[in-house]
Protein backbone atom coordinates (compact mmCIF):
# COMPACT_ATOMS: atom_id res chain seq x y z
CA MET A 1 0.00 0.00 0.00
CA LYS A 2 1.66 3.15 -1.29
CA VAL A 3 0.99 5.64 1.53
CA HIS A 4 1.36 9.23 0.34
CA LYS A 5 4.57 11.17 1.10
CA CYS A 6 6.16 8.44 3.21
CA GLY A 7 9.04 7.38 0.99
CA SER A 8 6.67 4.98 -0.74
CA THR A 9 7.91 5.90 -4.22
CA THR A 10 11.33 4.44 -3.40
CA VAL A 11 9.68 1.23 -2.20
CA GLN A 12 7.41 1.19 -5.26
CA LYS A 13 10.45 1.32 -7.57
CA VAL A 14 11.86 -1.75 -5.81
CA PHE A 15 8.63 -3.70 -6.31
CA LEU A 16 8.15 -2.66 -9.94
CA ARG A 17 11.73 -3.65 -10.76
CA TYR A 18 11.26 -7.00 -9.03
CA GLY A 19 8.02 -7.64 -10.92
CA HIS A 20 9.62 -6.92 -14.29
CA LYS A 21 12.72 -8.99 -13.54
CA HIS A 22 10.71 -12.05 -12.53
CA ARG A 23 8.01 -11.67 -15.22
CA LEU A 24 5.25 -11.18 -12.68
CA THR A 25 1.94 -9.46 -13.33
CA VAL A 26 2.00 -5.95 -11.88
CA ALA A 27 -1.42 -4.29 -11.51
CA LEU A 28 -1.64 -1.29 -13.85
CA PRO A 29 -4.28 1.43 -14.17
CA ARG A 30 -6.39 1.26 -17.32
CA GLU A 31 -5.40 4.85 -18.12
CA ARG A 32 -1.74 5.16 -19.05
CA ASP A 33 0.59 6.79 -16.53
CA ARG A 34 -2.08 7.20 -13.85
CA PRO A 35 -0.48 7.11 -10.36
CA SER A 36 -3.43 5.40 -8.64
CA ILE A 37 -5.84 2.53 -9.18
CA GLY A 38 -9.41 3.05 -8.00
CA THR A 39 -10.93 5.93 -6.07
CA ALA A 40 -11.78 6.35 -2.38
CA GLY A 41 -11.07 2.73 -1.57
CA VAL A 42 -13.18 1.29 -4.38
CA ILE A 43 -11.47 -0.65 -7.18
CA THR A 44 -13.53 -2.00 -10.06
CA LYS A 45 -12.51 -3.90 -13.20
CA ARG A 46 -12.82 -0.62 -15.09
CA ASP A 47 -9.96 0.83 -13.02
CA TYR A 48 -7.20 -1.60 -13.98
CA LEU A 49 -5.85 -3.17 -17.15
CA ALA A 50 -7.19 -6.65 -17.92
CA LEU A 51 -4.90 -9.09 -16.13
CA PRO A 52 -3.14 -11.74 -18.23
CA ARG A 53 -3.18 -14.24 -15.34
CA GLY A 54 -6.52 -13.30 -13.85
CA TYR A 55 -4.94 -11.69 -10.79
CA PRO A 56 -1.95 -9.43 -10.08
CA ASN A 57 1.18 -10.72 -8.40
CA ILE A 58 2.10 -7.18 -7.33
CA PHE A 59 0.00 -4.11 -6.55
CA ALA A 60 2.18 -1.04 -5.98
CA HIS A 61 0.18 1.99 -7.17
CA HIS A 62 -1.61 4.44 -4.92
CA ALA A 63 -4.92 3.21 -3.51
CA ILE A 64 -6.83 3.50 -0.26
CA TYR A 65 -6.79 0.16 1.53
CA ASN A 66 -10.13 -1.61 1.52
CA ARG A 67 -9.70 -5.03 3.10
CA THR A 68 -12.70 -6.61 1.42
CA GLY A 69 -11.81 -5.24 -2.01
CA PHE A 70 -8.14 -6.19 -1.88
CA HIS A 71 -8.82 -9.68 -0.60
CA LYS A 72 -11.04 -10.20 -3.64
CA LEU A 73 -8.47 -8.75 -6.05
CA MET A 74 -5.30 -10.38 -4.71
CA PRO A 75 -4.43 -14.08 -4.23
CA LYS A 76 -4.98 -15.58 -0.76
CA ASN A 77 -1.25 -15.88 -0.01
CA THR A 78 -0.58 -12.18 -0.64
CA LYS A 79 1.79 -10.38 1.72
CA TYR A 80 0.74 -6.79 2.49
CA VAL A 81 3.38 -4.13 3.08
CA ALA A 82 3.10 -0.40 3.86
CA ILE A 83 5.42 2.42 4.97
CA LEU A 84 4.74 5.21 7.47
CA ARG A 85 6.47 8.47 8.36
CA GLU A 86 6.55 10.79 11.37
CA PRO A 87 3.26 12.65 10.76
CA LEU A 88 4.50 16.23 11.07
CA SER A 89 7.40 15.51 8.73
CA ARG A 90 4.90 13.99 6.30
CA LEU A 91 2.74 17.14 6.50
CA ARG A 92 5.68 19.42 5.65
CA SER A 93 6.50 17.25 2.67
CA SER A 94 2.88 17.21 1.50
CA PHE A 95 2.53 21.00 1.80
CA LYS A 96 5.56 21.55 -0.42
CA TYR A 97 4.86 18.80 -2.95
CA PHE A 98 1.15 19.47 -3.47
CA LYS A 99 1.20 23.22 -2.69
CA MET A 100 -1.45 22.49 -0.09
CA GLU A 101 -2.15 26.17 0.67
CA ARG A 102 -4.31 26.20 -2.48
CA TYR A 103 -6.91 24.05 -0.75
CA PHE A 104 -7.49 26.22 2.34
CA ILE A 105 -9.54 29.37 1.84
CA GLY A 106 -7.44 32.40 2.77
CA LEU A 107 -4.34 30.50 3.89
CA ARG A 108 -2.05 31.83 1.17
CA GLU A 109 -3.03 35.42 1.97
CA ALA A 110 -2.73 34.89 5.72
CA ALA A 111 0.73 33.35 5.37
CA GLY A 112 2.15 36.28 3.44
CA SER A 113 5.89 35.81 2.96
CA LYS A 114 6.35 32.97 5.47
CA PRO A 115 5.87 29.27 4.65
CA PRO A 116 2.11 28.52 4.59
CA VAL A 117 2.60 25.34 6.61
CA LEU A 118 3.60 27.47 9.64
CA THR A 119 0.39 29.51 9.43
CA TYR A 120 -1.57 26.29 9.12
CA LEU A 121 0.12 24.80 12.20
CA GLU A 122 -0.81 27.79 14.33
CA ASP A 123 -4.42 26.58 14.25
CA PRO A 124 -4.98 23.34 12.27
CA LYS A 125 -8.59 22.98 13.44
CA ARG A 126 -9.50 26.42 12.17
CA TRP A 127 -7.89 25.91 8.78
CA ASP A 128 -9.37 22.46 8.31
CA LYS A 129 -12.82 24.01 8.51
CA LEU A 130 -11.75 26.12 5.51
CA TYR A 131 -10.39 23.12 3.60
CA ARG A 132 -11.79 22.59 0.10
CA PRO A 133 -10.49 19.42 -1.61
CA SER A 134 -9.56 19.25 -5.25
CA THR A 135 -12.43 18.72 -7.68
CA ARG A 136 -10.17 16.75 -10.03
CA LYS A 137 -11.12 13.07 -9.97
CA ASP A 138 -7.49 11.95 -10.27
CA PHE A 139 -6.56 14.10 -7.23
CA VAL A 140 -9.32 13.00 -4.86
CA ASP A 141 -7.13 10.46 -3.06
CA HIS A 142 -3.87 12.41 -3.31
CA ILE A 143 -4.79 15.61 -1.47
CA CYS A 144 -5.40 15.07 2.22
CA ASN A 145 -5.34 17.38 5.23
CA ARG A 146 -5.81 15.23 8.33
CA ASN A 147 -4.83 11.73 9.56
CA CYS A 148 -3.64 11.04 6.03
CA MET A 149 -1.70 7.84 6.70
CA ALA A 150 -4.60 6.30 8.60
CA ARG A 151 -6.92 7.40 5.80
CA ASP A 152 -4.71 5.73 3.18
CA LEU A 153 -4.88 2.53 5.20
CA GLY A 154 -8.66 2.66 5.40
CA LEU A 155 -9.71 4.58 8.53
CA LYS A 156 -12.99 6.41 7.96
CA GLU A 157 -13.21 10.13 8.75
CA LYS A 158 -16.14 9.54 11.11
CA ASP A 159 -13.76 7.56 13.36
CA TYR A 160 -11.02 10.19 13.66
CA GLU A 161 -12.13 11.09 17.19
CA ASN A 162 -13.08 7.55 18.26
CA LYS A 163 -10.20 6.01 20.24
CA THR A 164 -11.77 2.55 20.34
CA ALA A 165 -12.34 2.55 16.58
CA ILE A 166 -8.76 3.73 15.96
CA GLU A 167 -7.30 1.01 18.20
CA ASN A 168 -9.40 -1.63 16.42
CA PHE A 169 -8.25 -0.22 13.09
CA ILE A 170 -4.58 -0.50 14.12
CA ARG A 171 -5.10 -4.11 15.29
CA ASN A 172 -6.64 -4.95 11.92
CA ILE A 173 -3.70 -3.44 10.05
CA GLU A 174 -1.31 -5.42 12.23
CA ARG A 175 -3.28 -8.59 11.44
CA ASP A 176 -3.41 -7.97 7.67
CA PHE A 177 0.09 -6.64 7.02
CA SER A 178 3.25 -8.73 7.06
CA LEU A 179 5.35 -5.60 7.48
CA VAL A 180 4.72 -1.93 8.17
CA MET A 181 7.94 -0.09 7.39
CA ILE A 182 9.10 3.19 8.96
CA LEU A 183 10.74 5.87 6.82
CA GLU A 184 12.97 7.08 9.67
CA GLN A 185 14.36 3.51 9.81
CA PHE A 186 14.33 2.91 6.09
CA ASP A 187 17.36 0.64 5.73
CA GLN A 188 16.30 -1.45 8.73
CA SER A 189 12.85 -1.75 7.16
CA MET A 190 14.34 -2.84 3.84
CA VAL A 191 16.34 -5.62 5.50
CA LEU A 192 13.16 -6.78 7.24
CA LEU A 193 11.40 -6.67 3.86
CA ARG A 194 14.12 -8.84 2.31
CA ARG A 195 13.76 -11.37 5.11
CA ARG A 196 9.95 -11.43 5.03
CA MET A 197 9.90 -11.90 1.25
CA CYS A 198 12.89 -14.29 1.07
CA TRP A 199 14.57 -12.00 -1.47
CA SER A 200 18.27 -11.43 -2.15
CA VAL A 201 20.09 -8.22 -1.30
CA GLU A 202 20.14 -7.39 -5.03
CA ASP A 203 16.34 -7.09 -4.91
CA ILE A 204 16.37 -4.33 -2.29
CA MET A 205 18.98 -2.05 -3.83
CA TYR A 206 17.71 1.52 -4.17
CA ASP A 207 19.14 4.79 -5.46
CA SER A 208 20.53 6.60 -2.42
CA VAL A 209 22.84 9.13 -4.11
CA GLN A 210 20.62 11.62 -5.89
CA PRO A 211 16.99 11.39 -4.84
CA SER A 212 14.70 13.73 -6.74
CA LYS A 213 14.23 17.26 -5.48
CA ARG A 214 10.61 16.50 -4.72
CA SER A 215 11.54 13.59 -2.47
CA ASN A 216 13.56 16.03 -0.36
CA TYR A 217 10.47 18.04 0.49
CA GLY A 218 9.92 17.98 4.22
CA LYS A 219 13.65 18.25 5.00
CA THR A 220 13.55 22.06 4.94
CA GLN A 221 14.02 23.40 8.45
CA TYR A 222 11.07 25.40 9.77
CA ASN A 223 10.71 27.21 13.07
CA ILE A 224 7.94 24.98 14.39
CA THR A 225 7.13 25.80 18.02
CA ASP A 226 6.19 23.28 20.68
CA ARG A 227 2.66 24.69 20.64
CA MET A 228 2.35 24.18 16.87
CA ARG A 229 3.57 20.63 17.25
CA GLN A 230 1.10 19.91 20.05
CA ASN A 231 -1.76 21.43 18.03
CA PHE A 232 -0.94 19.11 15.17
CA ILE A 233 -0.56 16.01 17.34
CA GLU A 234 -3.94 16.58 18.99
CA HIS A 235 -5.61 17.15 15.63
CA ASN A 236 -3.98 14.06 14.06
CA TYR A 237 -4.49 11.68 16.96
CA ALA A 238 -5.13 8.64 14.71
CA ASP A 239 -1.95 9.11 12.68
CA TYR A 240 0.19 9.42 15.80
CA LEU A 241 -1.30 6.31 17.39
CA LEU A 242 -0.73 4.45 14.12
CA TYR A 243 2.84 5.70 13.63
CA ASN A 244 3.96 5.18 17.23
CA HIS A 245 2.47 1.68 17.32
CA PHE A 246 4.39 0.49 14.27
CA LYS A 247 7.55 2.38 15.16
CA GLU A 248 7.61 0.35 18.38
CA ALA A 249 6.69 -2.79 16.42
CA ILE A 250 9.71 -2.32 14.10
CA ALA A 251 12.01 -2.03 17.13
CA ARG A 252 10.59 -5.26 18.59
CA GLN A 253 10.94 -7.08 15.27
CA ILE A 254 14.57 -6.03 14.90
CA THR A 255 15.33 -7.31 18.41
CA LYS A 256 13.70 -10.66 17.59
CA GLU A 257 15.81 -11.01 14.44
CA GLY A 258 18.87 -11.53 16.61
CA ALA A 259 22.50 -10.43 16.44
CA GLY A 260 22.88 -11.27 12.76
CA PHE A 261 20.47 -8.49 11.82
CA GLN A 262 22.88 -5.65 12.62
CA LYS A 263 25.68 -7.30 10.66
CA GLU A 264 23.38 -7.76 7.67
CA LEU A 265 22.21 -4.15 7.98
CA GLN A 266 25.79 -2.84 7.92
CA ASN A 267 26.65 -5.00 4.90
CA TYR A 268 23.48 -3.90 3.12
CA GLN A 269 24.12 -0.20 3.72
CA LYS A 270 27.72 -0.56 2.51
CA THR A 271 26.67 -2.50 -0.59
CA ASN A 272 23.83 -0.11 -1.45
CA LYS A 273 26.14 2.89 -1.09
CA VAL A 274 28.73 1.31 -3.42
CA VAL A 275 26.11 0.33 -6.01
CA SER A 276 24.51 3.79 -5.96
CA LYS A 277 27.88 5.47 -6.46
CA ILE A 278 28.68 3.16 -9.36
CA CYS A 279 25.36 4.00 -11.00
CA HIS A 280 26.05 7.74 -10.67
CA SER A 281 29.65 7.59 -11.77
CA ARG A 282 30.84 9.05 -15.08
CA VAL A 283 31.49 5.58 -16.46
CA LYS A 284 29.13 5.22 -19.44
CA ASN A 285 28.98 1.44 -19.39
CA PRO A 286 29.64 0.21 -15.85
CA ASN A 287 30.26 -3.48 -15.42
CA TYR A 288 30.95 -4.56 -11.87
CA VAL A 289 30.33 -7.78 -9.96
CA VAL A 290 29.01 -7.28 -6.43
CA ARG A 291 29.29 -9.96 -3.78
CA SER A 292 26.92 -10.06 -0.84
CA SER A 293 26.42 -12.48 2.02
CA LYS A 294 22.67 -12.60 1.32
CA GLY A 295 22.10 -14.07 -2.09
CA PRO A 296 24.21 -14.79 -5.17
CA ILE A 297 26.66 -12.33 -6.69
CA PHE A 298 25.07 -9.84 -9.05
CA ARG A 299 26.27 -7.64 -11.86
CA VAL A 300 25.93 -3.86 -11.79
CA ASP A 301 25.79 -2.69 -15.39
CA LYS A 302 23.99 0.04 -17.31
CA LEU A 303 20.73 -1.93 -17.44
CA PHE A 304 20.78 -2.56 -13.69
CA CYS A 305 21.52 1.10 -12.97
CA ASP A 306 18.81 2.34 -15.31
CA GLN A 307 16.23 0.04 -13.76
CA MET A 308 17.25 0.93 -10.22
CA LYS A 309 16.66 4.62 -10.98
CA THR A 310 13.50 4.13 -13.05
CA GLU A 311 10.30 5.57 -11.55
CA ARG A 312 6.69 4.61 -12.16
CA GLN A 313 6.21 6.91 -15.15
CA ARG A 314 8.94 5.11 -17.10
CA TRP A 315 7.97 1.67 -15.83
CA ASP A 316 4.41 2.09 -17.12
CA PRO A 317 5.09 1.42 -20.84
CA VAL A 318 7.61 -1.33 -19.99
CA LEU A 319 5.13 -3.20 -17.80
CA ARG A 320 2.38 -2.80 -20.40
CA ARG A 321 4.69 -4.50 -22.92
CA ASP A 322 5.22 -7.26 -20.36
CA TYR A 323 1.44 -7.76 -20.36
CA THR A 324 1.44 -8.16 -24.12
CA ARG A 325 4.24 -10.73 -24.01
CA SER A 326 2.55 -12.62 -21.19
CA ILE A 327 -0.76 -12.84 -23.08
CA PHE A 328 1.05 -13.92 -26.28
CA ASN A 329 2.98 -16.65 -24.46
CA ARG A 330 -0.18 -17.82 -22.75
CA PHE A 331 -2.04 -18.37 -26.01
CA SER A 332 0.92 -19.58 -28.07
CA GLY A 333 2.22 -22.04 -25.51
């Protein structure tokens, strides 16, 4: 589940690359280059491209989690994975990326020359009453102002103030998901992902040298006061319960993995750093063999580097061609 503004694009690139490499069926929107599949938690056959195998092996586009819908769409042995981020950091990133001030009446004018997110944080409850979501159908699920991670994972707005409902919601996510990753512990989460999926270290390589400018949104330093922070925490109670629960869960899981986990983590970080530097070097046709303790040796060449850096927009036509080949092989073989 690709939770908005939580580092989920980096994880998505890993899954799309894995799907292409292993000739798996990756769910694709019917419309080319659309970032999401379905709307408001509802996915119909009109929303995705006809599947050559009858079901997708991988679903990695944006969607709001609907347990009933996904359990109908995906095979029974599906492993569910999501990633979360410290909620205030996620808000800063969202404000910059989506220019969120456009959706609050009067916020841009009230902010003047200072960052609009600071004006918003002075009184989130007030500004949320002046929130007007985008009227664009393809933006309905992307623009969000409150408890956005919980919303992406299926919590209804009517339950935002209901502690019992939120706690039940978190228990259900814990039951359904094999792993809920944490952006602030990204490399640790990736090692856990490798172990849960029985992958090799090659499969979890990601581009760590030059992330896009947009992915750096949220890292800008703002003068956020303790009062602003507390206002936001109180107004996003569900997101903080969700985030803190799975942040603690990640820590427990790492402890259970034993002493070998830290050694694997160090080796993974070292290997990923080397591979990323190779792929951003001035060598036009790199050709290096990388040895890792987790999985067979693998070759870092131009194709590997290109695929490691490829984002959804460029994967879309490639994966559509994979569909065509899969259907041809199915009927010719």
